[in-house]
Amino acid sequence: MEAFAVIIGIAHYQEEKKLHQLDGAINDAQAFYDWAINPKGGKVTTENAILLLSQNNFTQVITDQIEDALINMIQKALAKKQEDPSLRFYFFFSGHGLGLSINDVAMLVTNWRQYAPGRGISSFQYNEDIINRGIFSEAFFFIDCCRSRYVGVRPMTSRLRDLGAYEGANNTLSLVAMATSHHTSAYQEVGDSASKMSYFTRALLSILNGEDFTQTEDITVSQLQGLLEKKTSELAKEDDRTQDVRFYGQFLDIDRVVFQIDGKVLPSTSTNVIFEFSNETEGPYVLENGILEEINQWDKDGGNWELSLPRGLYTILDSATSKEKSIKVRNENTLQHVKF
């Protein structure tokens, strides 16, 4: 399946009083681009990928540039359609955003201003325009921005609508993953701006790059959804923040494999882990691995519990109280205590 991608990172805005510089947006977009063009990642050729980045001298990334890039990719895909009817499209945006509706956000371009709130781009319109065009079999939209409330914000009308439908249009399946819920904020990591990324993109690329897997894994839509929700939330909690990922799209109704991921974690010898339970938990307990598979479950009446686990990420959950705790098993041939 040939793939195409338009990837956008906007860190710099002319409206400095309202929109602060986003140190992580460029890193987010560059990292996603690196994954997209990797033959073991997104498998997008460099000819089929466009990366748009803002610069600190306010080199603009505006709506016309973005839509020119999208039209360029659509035209390239149309030329390939006869050779390969199954085409995939990736759209990635990292920057500032404002909430429009439960399934829509205004992605803000460099020249957005308070007195010109109509310069936002509707993520929902772009998704609809790609679907209605019918060239791609699959389309993935990853939207990493805030969805805060702002009175008067409205999107520009997309030029993609003027293209009309492709004569042999497919039924395009799309998945839209938005970094946060409607009227809430999305966050960047705390720390060095040179390596800073957003929680959402860090979590997404951790999954897509196989950083938690020891072997090749076939990831379904529901697994991607569960992992991205979980990992984004965990990263935010480490900095005492809350962030919940939002999904929609036709792919949610057809839970099939969408990514084959090469594991990066080397298999290791097992570590003995002793779980000790406090009076604040009730049980029964469930232990899950990094891809949300259940490892085991047991009752509190059984006392402390010891397991031999390979290196990796795990989560222990209390079914009665919904309390959960993430566990990193790192060392080999050691005894690890977990208090829960």
Protein backbone atom coordinates (compact mmCIF):
# COMPACT_ATOMS: atom_id res chain seq x y z
CA MET A 1 0.00 0.00 0.00
CA GLU A 2 1.59 3.28 -1.10
CA ALA A 3 1.36 6.11 1.41
CA PHE A 4 1.34 9.91 1.31
CA ALA A 5 1.80 12.45 4.11
CA VAL A 6 1.41 16.14 4.91
CA ILE A 7 3.07 17.04 8.22
CA ILE A 8 2.88 20.46 9.87
CA GLY A 9 4.66 21.95 12.88
CA ILE A 10 3.90 25.55 13.88
CA ALA A 11 5.80 26.90 16.88
CA HIS A 12 5.89 30.61 16.04
CA TYR A 13 2.94 33.00 15.84
CA GLN A 14 2.57 36.67 15.00
CA GLU A 15 -0.03 37.02 17.76
CA GLU A 16 2.59 36.77 20.52
CA LYS A 17 0.40 38.16 23.30
CA LYS A 18 -2.25 35.49 22.82
CA LEU A 19 -0.22 32.60 21.39
CA HIS A 20 3.09 31.80 23.06
CA GLN A 21 5.88 29.99 21.24
CA LEU A 22 5.48 26.20 21.28
CA ASP A 23 8.97 24.77 21.73
CA GLY A 24 7.82 21.21 21.11
CA ALA A 25 5.77 21.67 17.92
CA ILE A 26 8.76 21.56 15.57
CA ASN A 27 10.18 18.52 17.37
CA ASP A 28 6.78 16.82 17.15
CA ALA A 29 6.44 17.34 13.40
CA GLN A 30 10.06 16.44 12.65
CA ALA A 31 9.80 13.23 14.70
CA PHE A 32 6.57 12.22 12.96
CA TYR A 33 8.15 12.95 9.57
CA ASP A 34 11.16 10.79 10.50
CA TRP A 35 8.82 7.93 11.36
CA ALA A 36 6.70 8.47 8.23
CA ILE A 37 9.64 8.21 5.78
CA ASN A 38 11.24 5.27 7.59
CA PRO A 39 10.84 2.07 5.49
CA LYS A 40 10.13 0.24 8.76
CA GLY A 41 7.75 2.97 9.93
CA GLY A 42 5.19 4.80 7.83
CA LYS A 43 6.78 3.63 4.55
CA VAL A 44 6.19 7.01 2.87
CA THR A 45 8.75 7.90 0.22
CA THR A 46 10.33 11.36 0.51
CA GLU A 47 8.63 12.28 -2.78
CA ASN A 48 5.26 11.55 -1.19
CA ALA A 49 5.88 13.46 2.05
CA ILE A 50 5.67 17.21 2.67
CA LEU A 51 6.98 18.75 5.90
CA LEU A 52 5.95 22.35 6.73
CA LEU A 53 7.70 24.01 9.69
CA SER A 54 7.53 27.56 11.02
CA GLN A 55 10.73 29.46 11.80
CA ASN A 56 11.66 31.88 14.57
CA ASN A 57 11.78 34.79 12.08
CA PHE A 58 8.07 34.13 11.57
CA THR A 59 8.54 32.36 8.29
CA GLN A 60 4.90 31.75 7.67
CA VAL A 61 3.00 28.50 7.52
CA ILE A 62 -0.40 29.71 6.41
CA THR A 63 -3.54 28.14 5.03
CA ASP A 64 -2.58 28.53 1.37
CA GLN A 65 0.69 26.63 1.90
CA ILE A 66 -1.04 23.81 3.73
CA GLU A 67 -3.79 23.46 1.14
CA ASP A 68 -1.27 23.65 -1.71
CA ALA A 69 0.55 20.74 -0.05
CA LEU A 70 -2.67 18.77 0.32
CA ILE A 71 -3.70 19.37 -3.29
CA ASN A 72 -0.19 18.35 -4.38
CA MET A 73 -0.48 15.05 -2.51
CA ILE A 74 -3.99 14.42 -3.85
CA GLN A 75 -2.78 14.94 -7.41
CA LYS A 76 0.19 12.60 -6.86
CA ALA A 77 -2.10 9.98 -5.36
CA LEU A 78 -4.52 10.30 -8.25
CA ALA A 79 -1.68 9.60 -10.70
CA LYS A 80 -0.81 6.43 -8.74
CA LYS A 81 -4.38 5.24 -8.38
CA GLN A 82 -4.39 3.05 -11.47
CA GLU A 83 -1.20 1.25 -10.35
CA ASP A 84 -2.22 0.81 -6.70
CA PRO A 85 -5.89 1.23 -5.79
CA SER A 86 -5.11 0.90 -2.06
CA LEU A 87 -3.53 4.18 -0.95
CA ARG A 88 -2.97 5.52 2.57
CA PHE A 89 -2.81 9.16 3.71
CA TYR A 90 -1.32 10.70 6.88
CA PHE A 91 -2.08 14.20 8.12
CA PHE A 92 -0.20 15.47 11.19
CA PHE A 93 -0.51 18.87 12.86
CA SER A 94 1.25 20.22 15.94
CA GLY A 95 0.63 23.82 16.98
CA HIS A 96 -1.97 25.99 18.67
CA GLY A 97 -5.66 25.19 18.35
CA LEU A 98 -9.08 26.34 19.48
CA GLY A 99 -12.18 24.22 20.02
CA LEU A 100 -14.98 24.29 17.46
CA SER A 101 -17.08 21.23 18.37
CA ILE A 102 -16.73 17.79 19.89
CA ASN A 103 -15.22 16.46 16.64
CA ASP A 104 -13.59 19.62 15.33
CA VAL A 105 -10.75 21.99 16.15
CA ALA A 106 -9.48 25.16 14.51
CA MET A 107 -5.81 24.53 13.77
CA LEU A 108 -4.13 27.93 13.99
CA VAL A 109 -1.64 29.05 11.35
CA THR A 110 1.22 31.54 11.79
CA ASN A 111 -0.79 34.64 10.86
CA TRP A 112 -3.81 33.96 13.11
CA ARG A 113 -4.81 37.08 15.03
CA GLN A 114 -7.34 37.89 17.75
CA TYR A 115 -9.00 40.41 15.47
CA ALA A 116 -9.02 37.87 12.61
CA PRO A 117 -10.23 34.67 14.31
CA GLY A 118 -11.40 33.23 11.00
CA ARG A 119 -7.89 32.22 9.95
CA GLY A 120 -8.14 28.83 11.64
CA ILE A 121 -8.33 25.59 9.66
CA SER A 122 -11.05 23.06 10.44
CA SER A 123 -9.69 19.55 11.07
CA PHE A 124 -13.19 18.17 10.47
CA GLN A 125 -13.43 19.87 7.06
CA TYR A 126 -10.10 18.43 5.96
CA ASN A 127 -11.13 14.96 7.08
CA GLU A 128 -14.46 15.26 5.26
CA ASP A 129 -12.81 16.63 2.11
CA ILE A 130 -10.31 13.74 1.98
CA ILE A 131 -13.10 11.19 2.55
CA ASN A 132 -15.41 12.76 -0.05
CA ARG A 133 -12.64 12.93 -2.62
CA GLY A 134 -12.43 9.13 -2.40
CA ILE A 135 -8.85 8.64 -3.66
CA PHE A 136 -7.37 7.10 -0.51
CA SER A 137 -8.49 3.81 0.97
CA GLU A 138 -7.30 4.84 4.43
CA ALA A 139 -6.66 8.23 6.04
CA PHE A 140 -5.13 8.95 9.44
CA PHE A 141 -5.32 12.39 11.06
CA PHE A 142 -3.21 13.11 14.15
CA ILE A 143 -4.10 16.53 15.57
CA ASP A 144 -1.83 17.67 18.42
CA CYS A 145 -3.12 20.98 19.76
CA CYS A 146 -5.29 22.57 22.42
CA ARG A 147 -9.04 22.71 21.94
CA SER A 148 -9.67 25.64 24.28
CA ARG A 149 -12.82 27.72 24.05
CA TYR A 150 -12.57 31.08 22.27
CA VAL A 151 -15.58 33.22 21.40
CA GLY A 152 -15.91 34.03 17.70
CA VAL A 153 -13.42 31.54 16.35
CA ARG A 154 -14.47 30.04 13.03
CA PRO A 155 -12.64 28.13 10.31
CA MET A 156 -11.86 29.19 6.77
CA THR A 157 -13.59 27.33 3.94
CA SER A 158 -11.31 24.63 2.58
CA ARG A 159 -10.21 24.91 -1.07
CA LEU A 160 -10.19 21.11 -1.17
CA ARG A 161 -13.97 21.21 -1.51
CA ASP A 162 -13.60 22.68 -4.98
CA LEU A 163 -11.84 19.53 -6.19
CA GLY A 164 -14.99 17.42 -6.18
CA ALA A 165 -15.09 13.63 -6.00
CA TYR A 166 -12.80 11.25 -7.84
CA GLU A 167 -14.68 9.43 -10.63
CA GLY A 168 -13.78 5.99 -9.24
CA ALA A 169 -14.12 7.09 -5.62
CA ASN A 170 -13.37 4.61 -2.83
CA ASN A 171 -15.07 4.33 0.51
CA THR A 172 -12.29 5.99 2.50
CA LEU A 173 -11.87 4.75 6.07
CA SER A 174 -10.52 7.47 8.34
CA LEU A 175 -9.29 7.69 11.92
CA VAL A 176 -8.92 11.04 13.65
CA ALA A 177 -6.92 11.15 16.88
CA MET A 178 -7.06 14.48 18.70
CA ALA A 179 -4.64 15.20 21.53
CA THR A 180 -7.32 16.27 23.98
CA SER A 181 -11.05 16.58 24.56
CA HIS A 182 -13.24 19.51 23.47
CA HIS A 183 -12.66 22.74 25.45
CA THR A 184 -9.53 21.39 27.18
CA SER A 185 -5.80 21.93 26.81
CA ALA A 186 -3.08 19.74 25.36
CA TYR A 187 0.37 20.02 26.90
CA GLN A 188 4.06 19.82 26.15
CA GLU A 189 6.65 18.16 28.32
CA VAL A 190 8.34 20.17 31.06
CA GLY A 191 12.07 20.63 30.52
CA ASP A 192 14.69 21.35 27.88
CA SER A 193 13.18 23.03 24.83
CA ALA A 194 15.74 21.39 22.54
CA SER A 195 14.23 17.94 23.12
CA LYS A 196 10.74 18.91 24.30
CA MET A 197 7.74 17.24 22.67
CA SER A 198 4.05 17.09 23.44
CA TYR A 199 2.70 14.22 25.52
CA PHE A 200 0.43 13.11 22.68
CA THR A 201 3.13 12.90 20.01
CA ARG A 202 5.65 11.38 22.40
CA ALA A 203 3.12 8.65 23.24
CA LEU A 204 2.10 8.15 19.59
CA LEU A 205 5.67 7.70 18.35
CA SER A 206 6.59 5.49 21.28
CA ILE A 207 3.87 3.13 20.04
CA LEU A 208 4.61 3.45 16.32
CA ASN A 209 8.37 3.05 16.84
CA GLY A 210 7.88 -0.13 18.86
CA GLU A 211 9.60 1.16 21.98
CA ASP A 212 7.50 -1.04 24.28
CA PHE A 213 7.52 -4.24 22.23
CA THR A 214 9.99 -7.12 22.14
CA GLN A 215 8.79 -8.55 18.83
CA THR A 216 6.82 -7.65 15.72
CA GLU A 217 3.26 -6.73 16.70
CA ASP A 218 0.13 -6.32 14.58
CA ILE A 219 -1.71 -3.33 16.07
CA THR A 220 -5.44 -2.97 15.52
CA VAL A 221 -7.39 0.27 15.66
CA SER A 222 -8.74 -0.51 19.14
CA GLN A 223 -5.26 -1.37 20.42
CA LEU A 224 -3.85 1.86 19.03
CA GLN A 225 -6.70 3.76 20.65
CA GLY A 226 -6.22 2.10 24.03
CA LEU A 227 -2.44 2.47 24.03
CA LEU A 228 -2.49 6.11 22.94
CA GLU A 229 -5.10 7.06 25.52
CA LYS A 230 -3.17 5.28 28.26
CA LYS A 231 0.33 6.49 27.41
CA THR A 232 -0.71 10.12 26.84
CA SER A 233 -2.54 10.17 30.16
CA GLU A 234 0.43 8.62 31.99
CA LEU A 235 2.92 11.12 30.55
CA ALA A 236 0.68 14.03 31.55
CA LYS A 237 0.23 12.64 35.08
CA GLU A 238 3.99 12.58 35.58
CA ASP A 239 3.84 16.40 35.43
CA ASP A 240 0.61 16.58 37.50
CA ARG A 241 -1.55 17.31 34.46
CA THR A 242 -4.62 15.71 32.94
CA GLN A 243 -5.01 15.02 29.23
CA ASP A 244 -7.51 12.72 27.53
CA VAL A 245 -7.22 11.76 23.86
CA ARG A 246 -10.31 11.97 21.62
CA PHE A 247 -10.98 9.63 18.67
CA TYR A 248 -13.57 9.48 15.92
CA GLY A 249 -13.88 8.05 12.42
CA GLN A 250 -15.17 5.09 10.44
CA PHE A 251 -12.17 2.98 11.44
CA LEU A 252 -13.59 2.68 14.96
CA ASP A 253 -16.39 0.50 13.57
CA ILE A 254 -14.00 -1.79 11.68
CA ASP A 255 -11.38 -3.00 14.15
CA ARG A 256 -8.68 -4.37 11.89
CA VAL A 257 -4.88 -4.36 11.88
CA VAL A 258 -3.57 -0.97 10.74
CA PHE A 259 0.10 -1.05 11.75
CA GLN A 260 2.73 -3.77 11.88
CA ILE A 261 5.31 -2.59 14.39
CA ASP A 262 8.86 -3.89 14.82
CA GLY A 263 9.66 -4.19 18.52
CA LYS A 264 12.69 -2.26 19.75
CA VAL A 265 12.99 -3.71 23.26
CA LEU A 266 15.44 -6.58 23.47
CA PRO A 267 14.10 -9.70 25.18
CA SER A 268 15.58 -10.10 28.66
CA THR A 269 15.66 -12.61 31.44
CA SER A 270 12.80 -12.30 33.90
CA THR A 271 12.64 -10.23 37.05
CA ASN A 272 10.82 -11.41 40.17
CA VAL A 273 8.24 -8.79 41.14
CA ILE A 274 6.51 -8.86 44.53
CA PHE A 275 3.19 -6.99 44.73
CA GLU A 276 2.28 -5.66 48.17
CA PHE A 277 -1.25 -4.35 48.74
CA SER A 278 -2.38 -1.53 51.02
CA ASN A 279 -5.68 -1.13 52.85
CA GLU A 280 -6.70 1.50 50.28
CA THR A 281 -7.27 -1.19 47.65
CA GLU A 282 -9.92 -3.90 47.65
CA GLY A 283 -9.36 -6.22 44.70
CA PRO A 284 -9.78 -8.24 42.63
CA TYR A 285 -6.66 -7.07 40.80
CA VAL A 286 -5.74 -7.26 37.13
CA LEU A 287 -2.24 -7.04 35.67
CA GLU A 288 -1.87 -5.90 32.03
CA ASN A 289 1.18 -5.69 29.79
CA GLY A 290 2.18 -2.79 27.52
CA ILE A 291 -0.33 -3.71 24.79
CA LEU A 292 -3.23 -4.04 27.23
CA GLU A 293 -3.24 -7.84 27.33
CA GLU A 294 -4.25 -9.37 30.65
CA ILE A 295 -1.33 -11.21 32.30
CA ASN A 296 -3.11 -12.40 35.41
CA GLN A 297 -5.70 -11.54 38.05
CA TRP A 298 -6.07 -12.40 41.70
CA ASP A 299 -7.94 -11.54 44.90
CA LYS A 300 -6.60 -9.56 47.84
CA ASP A 301 -7.29 -12.48 50.16
CA GLY A 302 -4.31 -14.21 48.64
CA GLY A 303 -1.93 -11.77 50.34
CA ASN A 304 1.21 -10.52 48.57
CA TRP A 305 1.84 -11.94 45.14
CA GLU A 306 5.11 -12.73 43.37
CA LEU A 307 5.49 -12.97 39.59
CA SER A 308 8.38 -13.47 37.20
CA LEU A 309 8.09 -10.81 34.49
CA PRO A 310 10.24 -9.85 31.47
CA ARG A 311 11.39 -6.27 31.08
CA GLY A 312 8.61 -3.96 29.92
CA LEU A 313 5.71 -1.71 30.90
CA TYR A 314 2.82 -3.05 32.99
CA THR A 315 -0.28 -1.71 34.72
CA ILE A 316 -1.95 -3.08 37.82
CA LEU A 317 -5.62 -2.21 38.33
CA ASP A 318 -7.97 -2.49 41.29
CA SER A 319 -11.30 -3.57 39.79
CA ALA A 320 -13.30 -2.33 42.79
CA THR A 321 -11.89 1.21 43.07
CA SER A 322 -10.58 1.75 39.49
CA LYS A 323 -7.24 2.71 40.99
CA GLU A 324 -4.30 1.83 38.77
CA LYS A 325 -0.51 2.05 38.82
CA SER A 326 2.04 1.86 36.02
CA ILE A 327 5.06 -0.36 36.53
CA LYS A 328 8.39 -0.36 34.67
CA VAL A 329 10.28 -3.62 34.95
CA ARG A 330 13.82 -2.72 33.93
CA ASN A 331 16.54 -4.76 35.64
CA GLU A 332 17.44 -8.34 34.94
CA ASN A 333 17.87 -11.01 37.63
CA THR A 334 16.78 -8.71 40.46
CA LEU A 335 13.92 -8.59 42.95
CA GLN A 336 11.51 -5.69 42.51
CA HIS A 337 8.87 -4.60 45.06
CA VAL A 338 5.67 -2.86 44.01
CA LYS A 339 3.42 -1.29 46.64
CA PHE A 340 -0.16 -0.77 45.56
